[in-house]
Amino acid sequence: MSTPIPDGPFIYVTVGTDHHPFPRLVSWVDRWQAARPDSGVRVLVQHGATAAPTLADGVAYLDNERHAAALQAAVAVVCHGGPGSIVDARRSGKFPIVVPRDNSLGEHVDDHQIRFARHIARRNWAHVATDEEEFGRALDDALSGAPTFAAPPPDKASLEAVMRFRQLALQLTNRSGPKVLYLAGLGRSGSTLIERMMGELPGFVNVGELVFIWERGVRNNERCGCGDRFSECRFWQEVGEEAFGGWNKLNADRAIELRMMVDRNRWVPQLAIGPLAPAAFREARREYLADFLEPLYTAIEAVSGASVIVDSSKHTSYAYLLRQLWSIDLRVVHVVRNAYGVAHSWMKEVPRPEMDNAEDMPKYTSSKTATLWTVHNSLLRGLRALGVPVQVARYEDLIEDPAGMVRALATFAGEPEAAADLSFLEEGSVRLAQHHSVSGNPMRFKAGPLKLREDTAWRTALPAKDRRIVRAITSPARKRFGY
């Protein structure tokens, strides 16, 4: 399908991907065009859930690439009051005409677009039109080249400036953004168990290893923790609709490509220095955060109704990346386990039940595991210096006192009252409900009672040679964590 962009001069109108119809704006556009039959300017309306325009060219949704192309090619841009739409227009070098959605007319769930529009009008970031007459005048002025609409050069602002702009919208609407309790550390350290237990608290939603959602969920259609395929899971389909207007509107390959470009431990230095990183790296990071991660986390908050998202992605580099997502409140739980136990676990064959071909999870040698254990646990300590709240959670302490661990992490997440009722914890066991995790350890598929006992098989099963290797590589770091 070719990009539905008119030949010659045209106006691009976008109502975004919100599921609420916005017929008021579409009708204004139709009447403006009907009153100017000889203008020589066509109009393209991305109308979303709204009925298509009568006179203008209409398309329900555009993917990211076509949306960006339309913004670049248009002689004037009209958009609703969504911060993302306004940022997209400004980054494309356009000074948009903004028509905010009105909650009283059923165009949104609250009046945050009106309040945000007032602010951007004062700051001269866009032209805000609140009635049809003003809208018509503004569009005429924009097409005539009036100085007010002289677009600045394409925005070269740093990632931090763009994200702060979006965060401002949250602040103005009395929203702090979703809290993200991010479980970081090397796998096989108990992160899935912690994630599942925290997900039992009211106001918490656990989503598994969200870092892999693009390939394992959207592209490969693997099983959710609820047992359904990703494409059949009602929760994730609602998230996709809320975030992107449907997963089919999302370029998953681009998301995967961007993740591979910025989510690697070797790039932690670039992630740590922020605006001083190379330009190409900053642009990839900006695109991944703004176009994929921000809509994803915001949609999970909206669909779940939870105040805390528990993400067990574990990647250290991903934690450094998320600290630059201004629209979330990031809290990092540094999950650590005795290196001997981790090494023994990674030497086992563990099948992935979400796969139809009985594929096993990867296996590591003791030297590789010990090296990764040291690197991850060392790099995670650096987050504190960057102002990220970090709390260490040892696997052994979790097993010894699960209630104490849950209470401590609920308090760390800023929700101590959520741990008032821990009836799902019993002596030596935990009762887990079904949930929606997109990826993670196979135990994410288990529901019902689960025994809580420390896996100490490594004490007798880990060969002496491997024990010596782990000791030599991890010795200094192990002492820091009390091992």
Protein backbone atom coordinates (compact mmCIF):
# COMPACT_ATOMS: atom_id res chain seq x y z
CA MET A 1 0.00 0.00 0.00
CA SER A 2 1.46 3.38 -1.01
CA THR A 3 1.59 6.29 1.39
CA PRO A 4 -1.75 8.17 1.07
CA ILE A 5 -0.13 11.58 0.73
CA PRO A 6 -1.67 13.95 -1.83
CA ASP A 7 0.36 15.40 -4.66
CA GLY A 8 0.92 19.13 -4.42
CA PRO A 9 0.32 21.33 -1.37
CA PHE A 10 -1.83 19.78 1.35
CA ILE A 11 -2.82 20.21 5.00
CA TYR A 12 -2.28 17.29 7.37
CA VAL A 13 -4.82 16.87 10.18
CA THR A 14 -4.23 14.20 12.82
CA VAL A 15 -6.51 13.24 15.71
CA GLY A 16 -4.05 10.68 17.11
CA THR A 17 -4.88 7.12 18.18
CA ASP A 18 -7.20 7.80 21.12
CA HIS A 19 -10.31 5.61 20.97
CA HIS A 20 -12.64 8.57 21.62
CA PRO A 21 -14.15 10.04 18.39
CA PHE A 22 -13.34 13.65 17.57
CA PRO A 23 -16.10 14.64 15.06
CA ARG A 24 -15.92 18.31 16.03
CA LEU A 25 -12.48 18.78 14.49
CA VAL A 26 -13.27 16.69 11.39
CA SER A 27 -16.43 18.70 10.74
CA TRP A 28 -14.52 21.98 11.12
CA VAL A 29 -12.06 20.77 8.50
CA ASP A 30 -14.84 19.77 6.09
CA ARG A 31 -16.61 23.11 6.43
CA TRP A 32 -13.35 25.03 6.03
CA GLN A 33 -12.61 23.17 2.80
CA ALA A 34 -16.19 23.58 1.48
CA ALA A 35 -15.94 27.35 1.94
CA ARG A 36 -12.73 27.47 -0.12
CA PRO A 37 -13.35 25.34 -3.22
CA ASP A 38 -10.68 27.15 -5.22
CA SER A 39 -7.92 27.14 -2.62
CA GLY A 40 -5.82 24.63 -4.54
CA VAL A 41 -4.90 22.97 -1.27
CA ARG A 42 -6.00 19.44 -0.46
CA VAL A 43 -6.54 18.11 3.06
CA LEU A 44 -5.53 14.74 4.49
CA VAL A 45 -7.26 13.77 7.74
CA GLN A 46 -6.01 10.93 9.93
CA HIS A 47 -9.37 10.43 11.64
CA GLY A 48 -8.82 7.41 13.93
CA ALA A 49 -12.06 6.34 15.62
CA THR A 50 -13.94 9.29 14.10
CA ALA A 51 -16.08 8.93 10.96
CA ALA A 52 -14.15 9.79 7.81
CA PRO A 53 -14.41 13.37 6.47
CA THR A 54 -16.87 14.19 3.69
CA LEU A 55 -14.67 16.37 1.50
CA ALA A 56 -11.12 15.84 2.69
CA ASP A 57 -9.05 12.74 2.02
CA GLY A 58 -9.33 10.43 5.00
CA VAL A 59 -7.29 7.59 6.48
CA ALA A 60 -8.02 5.97 9.84
CA TYR A 61 -4.42 5.43 10.88
CA LEU A 62 -0.92 5.86 9.53
CA ASP A 63 2.07 3.88 10.68
CA ASN A 64 4.98 5.80 12.19
CA GLU A 65 6.85 6.12 8.90
CA ARG A 66 3.88 7.49 6.93
CA HIS A 67 2.86 9.77 9.77
CA ALA A 68 6.35 11.27 9.83
CA ALA A 69 6.33 11.65 6.04
CA ALA A 70 2.98 13.46 6.14
CA LEU A 71 4.23 15.85 8.82
CA GLN A 72 7.31 16.65 6.75
CA ALA A 73 5.46 17.15 3.44
CA ALA A 74 2.45 19.15 4.66
CA VAL A 75 2.29 22.92 4.23
CA ALA A 76 0.34 23.16 7.52
CA VAL A 77 -0.37 20.74 10.36
CA VAL A 78 -3.47 20.52 12.56
CA CYS A 79 -3.56 18.16 15.54
CA HIS A 80 -5.45 17.41 18.73
CA GLY A 81 -3.95 18.43 22.07
CA GLY A 82 -2.00 15.25 22.75
CA PRO A 83 1.57 16.05 23.84
CA GLY A 84 2.96 13.33 21.58
CA SER A 85 1.26 14.77 18.49
CA ILE A 86 2.50 18.26 19.29
CA VAL A 87 6.07 17.05 19.86
CA ASP A 88 5.99 15.11 16.57
CA ALA A 89 4.87 18.23 14.69
CA ARG A 90 7.50 20.45 16.29
CA ARG A 91 10.25 17.94 15.64
CA SER A 92 9.18 17.95 11.98
CA GLY A 93 9.73 21.71 11.79
CA LYS A 94 6.03 22.62 11.85
CA PHE A 95 4.20 25.13 14.05
CA PRO A 96 0.94 23.22 14.50
CA ILE A 97 -2.61 24.44 14.97
CA VAL A 98 -3.83 22.62 18.06
CA VAL A 99 -7.49 21.88 18.79
CA PRO A 100 -7.68 20.32 22.26
CA ARG A 101 -10.21 17.61 22.97
CA ASP A 102 -13.01 18.62 25.35
CA ASN A 103 -14.01 16.17 28.07
CA SER A 104 -17.49 17.75 28.38
CA LEU A 105 -18.18 16.79 24.75
CA GLY A 106 -17.12 13.16 25.25
CA GLU A 107 -13.87 13.68 23.33
CA HIS A 108 -11.63 12.49 26.17
CA VAL A 109 -11.72 11.18 29.75
CA ASP A 110 -10.59 14.46 31.34
CA ASP A 111 -9.68 18.03 30.47
CA HIS A 112 -5.90 17.62 30.43
CA GLN A 113 -5.63 18.58 26.74
CA ILE A 114 -7.37 21.91 27.41
CA ARG A 115 -5.11 22.64 30.36
CA PHE A 116 -2.00 21.68 28.46
CA ALA A 117 -3.10 23.74 25.43
CA ARG A 118 -3.33 26.84 27.60
CA HIS A 119 0.24 26.30 28.70
CA ILE A 120 1.70 25.77 25.22
CA ALA A 121 -0.17 28.84 23.97
CA ARG A 122 1.51 30.96 26.66
CA ARG A 123 4.90 29.50 25.71
CA ASN A 124 4.27 30.02 21.98
CA TRP A 125 4.92 26.36 21.18
CA ALA A 126 1.84 26.11 18.93
CA HIS A 127 -1.29 28.03 17.90
CA VAL A 128 -4.31 26.89 19.92
CA ALA A 129 -7.79 27.19 18.41
CA THR A 130 -10.75 26.67 20.73
CA ASP A 131 -13.63 27.57 18.37
CA GLU A 132 -14.38 27.09 14.68
CA GLU A 133 -13.98 30.74 13.70
CA GLU A 134 -10.55 30.96 15.29
CA PHE A 135 -9.61 27.64 13.68
CA GLY A 136 -10.51 28.93 10.21
CA ARG A 137 -8.54 32.14 10.66
CA ALA A 138 -5.51 30.25 11.94
CA LEU A 139 -5.55 27.87 8.98
CA ASP A 140 -5.89 30.74 6.52
CA ASP A 141 -2.97 32.53 8.20
CA ALA A 142 -0.84 29.39 8.15
CA LEU A 143 -1.40 28.93 4.40
CA SER A 144 -0.69 32.60 3.68
CA GLY A 145 2.72 32.34 5.30
CA ALA A 146 1.93 34.66 8.20
CA PRO A 147 5.01 35.25 10.38
CA THR A 148 3.28 33.65 13.37
CA PHE A 149 3.38 30.33 11.54
CA ALA A 150 6.93 30.62 10.21
CA ALA A 151 8.18 27.20 11.24
CA PRO A 152 11.48 27.02 13.08
CA PRO A 153 14.14 24.66 11.72
CA PRO A 154 13.53 20.99 12.52
CA ASP A 155 13.97 20.58 16.25
CA LYS A 156 17.48 19.42 17.08
CA ALA A 157 16.84 19.46 20.82
CA SER A 158 18.33 16.74 22.93
CA LEU A 159 16.42 13.70 24.13
CA GLU A 160 16.22 15.24 27.57
CA ALA A 161 14.47 18.38 26.29
CA VAL A 162 11.89 16.37 24.33
CA MET A 163 11.14 14.08 27.24
CA ARG A 164 10.86 16.97 29.69
CA PHE A 165 8.34 18.53 27.33
CA ARG A 166 6.19 15.40 27.56
CA GLN A 167 6.68 15.14 31.30
CA LEU A 168 5.35 18.68 31.61
CA ALA A 169 2.02 17.45 30.26
CA LEU A 170 1.83 14.87 33.03
CA GLN A 171 2.68 17.46 35.66
CA LEU A 172 0.05 19.89 34.38
CA THR A 173 -2.62 17.21 34.52
CA ASN A 174 -1.73 16.15 38.07
CA ARG A 175 -0.36 12.86 36.80
CA SER A 176 3.04 11.69 38.01
CA GLY A 177 3.27 8.98 35.37
CA PRO A 178 3.37 5.26 36.12
CA LYS A 179 5.70 3.99 38.80
CA VAL A 180 7.94 1.25 37.41
CA LEU A 181 9.44 -1.21 39.88
CA TYR A 182 12.24 -2.54 37.69
CA LEU A 183 13.88 -5.83 38.72
CA ALA A 184 17.49 -5.80 37.53
CA GLY A 185 20.30 -8.33 37.76
CA LEU A 186 21.48 -11.58 36.23
CA GLY A 187 18.84 -14.19 35.42
CA ARG A 188 18.22 -17.22 37.66
CA SER A 189 18.45 -15.01 40.74
CA GLY A 190 14.79 -15.12 41.79
CA SER A 191 13.48 -12.11 39.87
CA THR A 192 10.46 -13.95 38.45
CA LEU A 193 9.42 -15.08 41.93
CA ILE A 194 9.74 -11.54 43.28
CA GLU A 195 7.80 -10.18 40.29
CA ARG A 196 4.97 -12.68 40.80
CA MET A 197 4.74 -11.99 44.52
CA MET A 198 4.69 -8.21 44.07
CA GLY A 199 2.00 -8.64 41.42
CA GLU A 200 -0.28 -10.06 44.10
CA LEU A 201 -0.45 -6.68 45.85
CA PRO A 202 -3.37 -4.34 45.14
CA GLY A 203 -2.36 -1.56 42.77
CA PHE A 204 0.57 -3.57 41.34
CA VAL A 205 0.63 -5.24 37.91
CA ASN A 206 3.45 -7.58 36.91
CA VAL A 207 4.19 -7.84 33.19
CA GLY A 208 7.25 -10.10 32.98
CA GLU A 209 10.31 -9.19 30.91
CA LEU A 210 8.88 -6.25 29.01
CA VAL A 211 12.16 -5.72 27.18
CA PHE A 212 11.30 -8.68 24.92
CA ILE A 213 7.72 -7.71 24.07
CA TRP A 214 8.52 -6.69 20.48
CA GLU A 215 10.01 -10.01 19.40
CA ARG A 216 8.45 -12.59 21.72
CA GLY A 217 5.05 -10.96 21.89
CA VAL A 218 4.30 -8.87 18.82
CA ARG A 219 6.46 -10.72 16.25
CA ASN A 220 6.63 -14.34 17.48
CA ASN A 221 3.19 -14.43 19.15
CA GLU A 222 4.47 -16.51 22.08
CA ARG A 223 2.30 -17.40 25.06
CA CYS A 224 1.45 -14.89 27.74
CA GLY A 225 1.64 -15.93 31.39
CA CYS A 226 -2.14 -16.39 31.27
CA GLY A 227 -1.62 -19.23 28.75
CA ASP A 228 -3.07 -17.46 25.71
CA ARG A 229 -1.08 -16.46 22.67
CA PHE A 230 -0.05 -12.83 22.73
CA SER A 231 -2.47 -12.03 19.89
CA GLU A 232 -5.31 -13.70 21.83
CA CYS A 233 -4.58 -12.21 25.26
CA ARG A 234 -7.20 -9.59 25.96
CA PHE A 235 -4.92 -7.61 28.28
CA TRP A 236 -2.12 -7.20 25.76
CA GLN A 237 -4.50 -6.45 22.92
CA GLU A 238 -6.02 -3.62 24.95
CA VAL A 239 -2.52 -2.34 25.70
CA GLY A 240 -1.64 -2.37 22.01
CA GLU A 241 -4.82 -0.53 21.12
CA GLU A 242 -4.23 2.09 23.81
CA ALA A 243 -0.55 2.60 22.97
CA PHE A 244 -0.42 2.36 19.18
CA GLY A 245 -3.98 2.04 17.89
CA GLY A 246 -3.36 -1.72 17.62
CA TRP A 247 -0.22 -3.84 17.39
CA ASN A 248 -0.69 -4.04 13.62
CA LYS A 249 0.05 -0.30 13.50
CA LEU A 250 3.42 -0.90 15.15
CA ASN A 251 6.69 -1.49 13.31
CA ALA A 252 7.98 -4.27 15.60
CA ASP A 253 11.09 -4.82 13.48
CA ARG A 254 12.05 -1.18 13.98
CA ALA A 255 11.51 -1.48 17.74
CA ILE A 256 13.76 -4.57 17.83
CA GLU A 257 16.38 -2.83 15.71
CA LEU A 258 16.43 0.19 18.02
CA ARG A 259 16.62 -1.97 21.14
CA MET A 260 19.64 -3.77 19.74
CA MET A 261 21.24 -0.38 19.06
CA VAL A 262 20.90 0.99 22.61
CA ASP A 263 20.24 -1.90 25.02
CA ARG A 264 23.62 -3.56 25.54
CA ASN A 265 25.92 -3.45 28.55
CA ARG A 266 28.72 -2.22 26.30
CA TRP A 267 26.69 0.96 25.79
CA VAL A 268 26.11 1.72 29.47
CA PRO A 269 28.73 4.52 29.31
CA GLN A 270 26.82 6.23 26.47
CA LEU A 271 23.56 5.77 28.37
CA ALA A 272 25.14 7.19 31.50
CA ILE A 273 26.52 10.37 29.90
CA GLY A 274 23.19 11.24 28.25
CA PRO A 275 23.49 14.33 26.01
CA LEU A 276 27.26 13.82 25.60
CA ALA A 277 26.78 10.52 23.76
CA PRO A 278 27.40 10.37 19.97
CA ALA A 279 24.63 11.95 17.87
CA ALA A 280 23.59 8.72 16.12
CA PHE A 281 23.27 6.93 19.46
CA ARG A 282 21.23 9.80 20.94
CA GLU A 283 18.83 9.74 17.98
CA ALA A 284 18.28 5.97 18.23
CA ARG A 285 17.73 6.28 21.97
CA ARG A 286 15.31 9.19 21.49
CA GLU A 287 13.26 7.31 18.91
CA TYR A 288 13.08 4.13 21.00
CA LEU A 289 12.02 5.97 24.14
CA ALA A 290 9.54 8.39 22.54
CA ASP A 291 7.95 6.20 19.88
CA PHE A 292 7.89 2.82 21.61
CA LEU A 293 8.63 2.73 25.33
CA GLU A 294 6.70 5.78 26.52
CA PRO A 295 3.43 4.74 24.81
CA LEU A 296 3.91 1.17 26.04
CA TYR A 297 4.35 1.93 29.76
CA THR A 298 1.65 4.60 29.71
CA ALA A 299 -0.80 2.19 28.08
CA ILE A 300 -0.07 -0.56 30.61
CA GLU A 301 -0.87 1.90 33.39
CA ALA A 302 -4.12 2.94 31.68
CA VAL A 303 -5.34 -0.59 30.87
CA SER A 304 -4.37 -2.21 34.18
CA GLY A 305 -5.45 0.69 36.39
CA ALA A 306 -2.41 -0.11 38.55
CA SER A 307 -0.21 2.48 40.20
CA VAL A 308 2.94 0.32 39.99
CA ILE A 309 4.19 -1.66 36.98
CA VAL A 310 6.53 -4.52 37.97
CA ASP A 311 8.95 -5.15 35.10
CA SER A 312 11.40 -8.05 35.50
CA SER A 313 13.40 -7.36 32.32
CA LYS A 314 16.63 -7.57 34.39
CA HIS A 315 18.88 -5.99 31.73
CA THR A 316 21.29 -3.59 33.38
CA SER A 317 21.57 -1.45 30.23
CA TYR A 318 17.77 -1.28 30.02
CA ALA A 319 17.69 0.16 33.55
CA TYR A 320 20.10 2.89 32.44
CA LEU A 321 17.86 3.51 29.42
CA LEU A 322 14.64 3.74 31.44
CA ARG A 323 16.13 6.38 33.75
CA GLN A 324 15.88 8.75 30.76
CA LEU A 325 12.18 8.08 30.22
CA TRP A 326 10.89 11.16 31.99
CA SER A 327 7.25 10.06 31.97
CA ILE A 328 7.80 7.18 34.43
CA ASP A 329 8.83 7.08 38.08
CA LEU A 330 11.62 4.50 38.04
CA ARG A 331 12.61 2.46 41.11
CA VAL A 332 15.26 -0.26 40.56
CA VAL A 333 15.35 -3.44 42.63
CA HIS A 334 18.86 -4.91 42.38
CA VAL A 335 18.17 -8.66 42.60
CA VAL A 336 21.20 -10.74 43.57
CA ARG A 337 21.83 -14.38 44.43
CA ASN A 338 24.89 -16.33 45.52
CA ALA A 339 27.07 -16.66 42.41
CA TYR A 340 27.55 -20.42 42.92
CA GLY A 341 23.80 -21.01 42.80
CA VAL A 342 23.41 -18.81 39.72
CA ALA A 343 26.24 -20.61 37.90
CA HIS A 344 24.75 -24.02 38.67
CA SER A 345 21.32 -22.93 37.47
CA TRP A 346 22.66 -21.65 34.13
CA MET A 347 24.31 -25.05 33.52
CA LYS A 348 20.94 -26.82 33.61
CA GLU A 349 18.68 -27.62 30.66
CA VAL A 350 15.47 -25.63 31.10
CA PRO A 351 12.72 -25.89 28.44
CA ARG A 352 10.71 -22.87 27.33
CA PRO A 353 7.05 -23.95 27.56
CA GLU A 354 5.87 -20.91 25.59
CA MET A 355 7.51 -22.42 22.50
CA ASP A 356 5.89 -25.14 20.36
CA ASN A 357 9.22 -26.63 19.30
CA ALA A 358 10.37 -27.57 22.83
CA GLU A 359 13.27 -25.13 22.62
CA ASP A 360 15.46 -24.89 25.72
CA MET A 361 16.63 -21.73 27.41
CA PRO A 362 20.33 -20.99 26.79
CA LYS A 363 23.03 -22.64 28.90
CA TYR A 364 26.18 -20.88 30.11
CA THR A 365 29.54 -22.17 31.28
CA SER A 366 30.54 -21.38 34.84
CA SER A 367 33.14 -18.87 33.63
CA LYS A 368 30.65 -16.98 31.48
CA THR A 369 28.06 -16.89 34.27
CA ALA A 370 30.61 -15.72 36.81
CA THR A 371 31.77 -12.95 34.47
CA LEU A 372 28.20 -11.82 33.76
CA TRP A 373 27.36 -11.95 37.47
CA THR A 374 30.29 -9.67 38.26
CA VAL A 375 29.60 -7.24 35.39
CA HIS A 376 25.87 -6.87 36.03
CA ASN A 377 26.21 -6.42 39.79
CA SER A 378 29.04 -3.91 39.36
CA LEU A 379 27.27 -1.81 36.72
CA LEU A 380 24.03 -1.70 38.68
CA ARG A 381 25.81 0.00 41.57
CA GLY A 382 26.48 2.93 39.24
CA LEU A 383 22.79 3.80 38.99
CA ARG A 384 22.82 5.29 42.48
CA ALA A 385 25.39 7.88 41.40
CA LEU A 386 22.97 8.96 38.66
CA GLY A 387 20.20 9.60 41.15
CA VAL A 388 18.16 6.44 40.50
CA PRO A 389 16.55 4.91 43.62
CA VAL A 390 18.05 1.42 44.04
CA GLN A 391 17.35 -1.24 46.64
CA VAL A 392 19.19 -4.56 46.88
CA ALA A 393 17.05 -7.69 47.24
CA ARG A 394 18.88 -10.96 47.94
CA TYR A 395 17.25 -14.20 46.83
CA GLU A 396 18.27 -15.89 50.09
CA ASP A 397 16.59 -13.16 52.14
CA LEU A 398 13.43 -13.52 50.07
CA ILE A 399 13.18 -17.22 50.88
CA GLU A 400 13.98 -16.69 54.56
CA ASP A 401 11.45 -13.87 55.08
CA PRO A 402 9.11 -13.46 52.07
CA ALA A 403 6.67 -11.20 53.93
CA GLY A 404 9.47 -8.91 55.05
CA MET A 405 10.78 -8.69 51.49
CA VAL A 406 7.36 -7.88 50.03
CA ARG A 407 6.74 -5.19 52.64
CA ALA A 408 10.18 -3.67 52.06
CA LEU A 409 9.72 -3.51 48.29
CA ALA A 410 6.18 -2.13 48.59
CA THR A 411 7.56 0.65 50.77
CA PHE A 412 10.41 1.21 48.30
CA ALA A 413 7.79 1.57 45.55
CA GLY A 414 6.05 4.24 47.61
CA GLU A 415 3.02 2.04 48.32
CA PRO A 416 3.52 0.64 51.86
CA GLU A 417 -0.21 0.31 52.46
CA ALA A 418 -0.46 -2.19 49.59
CA ALA A 419 1.30 -4.78 51.77
CA ALA A 420 -1.26 -4.54 54.56
CA ASP A 421 -2.85 -7.84 53.51
CA LEU A 422 -0.37 -10.62 52.73
CA SER A 423 -2.85 -13.47 52.97
CA PHE A 424 -1.44 -14.95 49.76
CA LEU A 425 1.68 -15.80 51.79
CA GLU A 426 1.47 -18.85 54.02
CA GLU A 427 4.05 -20.73 56.06
CA GLY A 428 6.65 -21.89 53.55
CA SER A 429 4.51 -21.19 50.46
CA VAL A 430 2.90 -18.52 48.30
CA ARG A 431 -0.42 -18.66 46.45
CA LEU A 432 -0.09 -17.10 43.01
CA ALA A 433 -2.89 -16.00 40.69
CA GLN A 434 -2.81 -16.16 36.92
CA HIS A 435 -1.27 -13.06 35.38
CA HIS A 436 -0.05 -11.49 32.12
CA SER A 437 3.73 -11.75 31.75
CA VAL A 438 5.10 -11.32 28.26
CA SER A 439 8.35 -13.24 28.84
CA GLY A 440 10.42 -14.73 31.65
CA ASN A 441 11.29 -17.86 33.59
CA PRO A 442 8.96 -20.86 32.96
CA MET A 443 7.57 -20.56 36.51
CA ARG A 444 5.55 -17.58 35.22
CA PHE A 445 3.00 -20.13 33.94
CA LYS A 446 2.40 -21.63 37.39
CA ALA A 447 -0.67 -20.64 39.37
CA GLY A 448 -1.91 -21.76 42.77
CA PRO A 449 0.21 -22.77 45.79
CA LEU A 450 3.98 -22.75 45.33
CA LYS A 451 6.51 -24.01 47.89
CA LEU A 452 9.13 -21.48 48.92
CA ARG A 453 12.42 -23.20 49.53
CA GLU A 454 15.95 -22.19 48.68
CA ASP A 455 17.54 -24.05 45.78
CA THR A 456 20.78 -25.28 47.36
CA ALA A 457 21.49 -28.10 44.91
CA TRP A 458 24.66 -26.32 43.87
CA ARG A 459 26.28 -27.17 47.20
CA THR A 460 26.66 -30.80 46.12
CA ALA A 461 26.04 -30.72 42.35
CA LEU A 462 28.38 -27.93 41.24
CA PRO A 463 31.68 -29.58 40.21
CA ALA A 464 34.78 -28.54 42.15
CA LYS A 465 36.43 -27.15 38.99
CA ASP A 466 33.46 -24.86 38.31
CA ARG A 467 33.35 -23.84 41.96
CA ARG A 468 36.97 -22.71 41.74
CA ILE A 469 36.26 -20.72 38.57
CA VAL A 470 33.29 -18.94 40.11
CA ARG A 471 35.23 -18.18 43.29
CA ALA A 472 38.16 -16.68 41.37
CA ILE A 473 36.03 -14.41 39.19
CA THR A 474 33.38 -13.27 41.68
CA SER A 475 35.25 -13.16 44.98
CA PRO A 476 35.48 -9.36 45.51
CA ALA A 477 31.88 -8.72 44.41
CA ARG A 478 30.47 -11.58 46.46
CA LYS A 479 31.84 -10.08 49.64
CA ARG A 480 30.07 -6.79 48.94
CA PHE A 481 26.73 -8.61 49.00
CA GLY A 482 27.48 -10.65 52.11
CA TYR A 483 28.36 -13.96 50.44
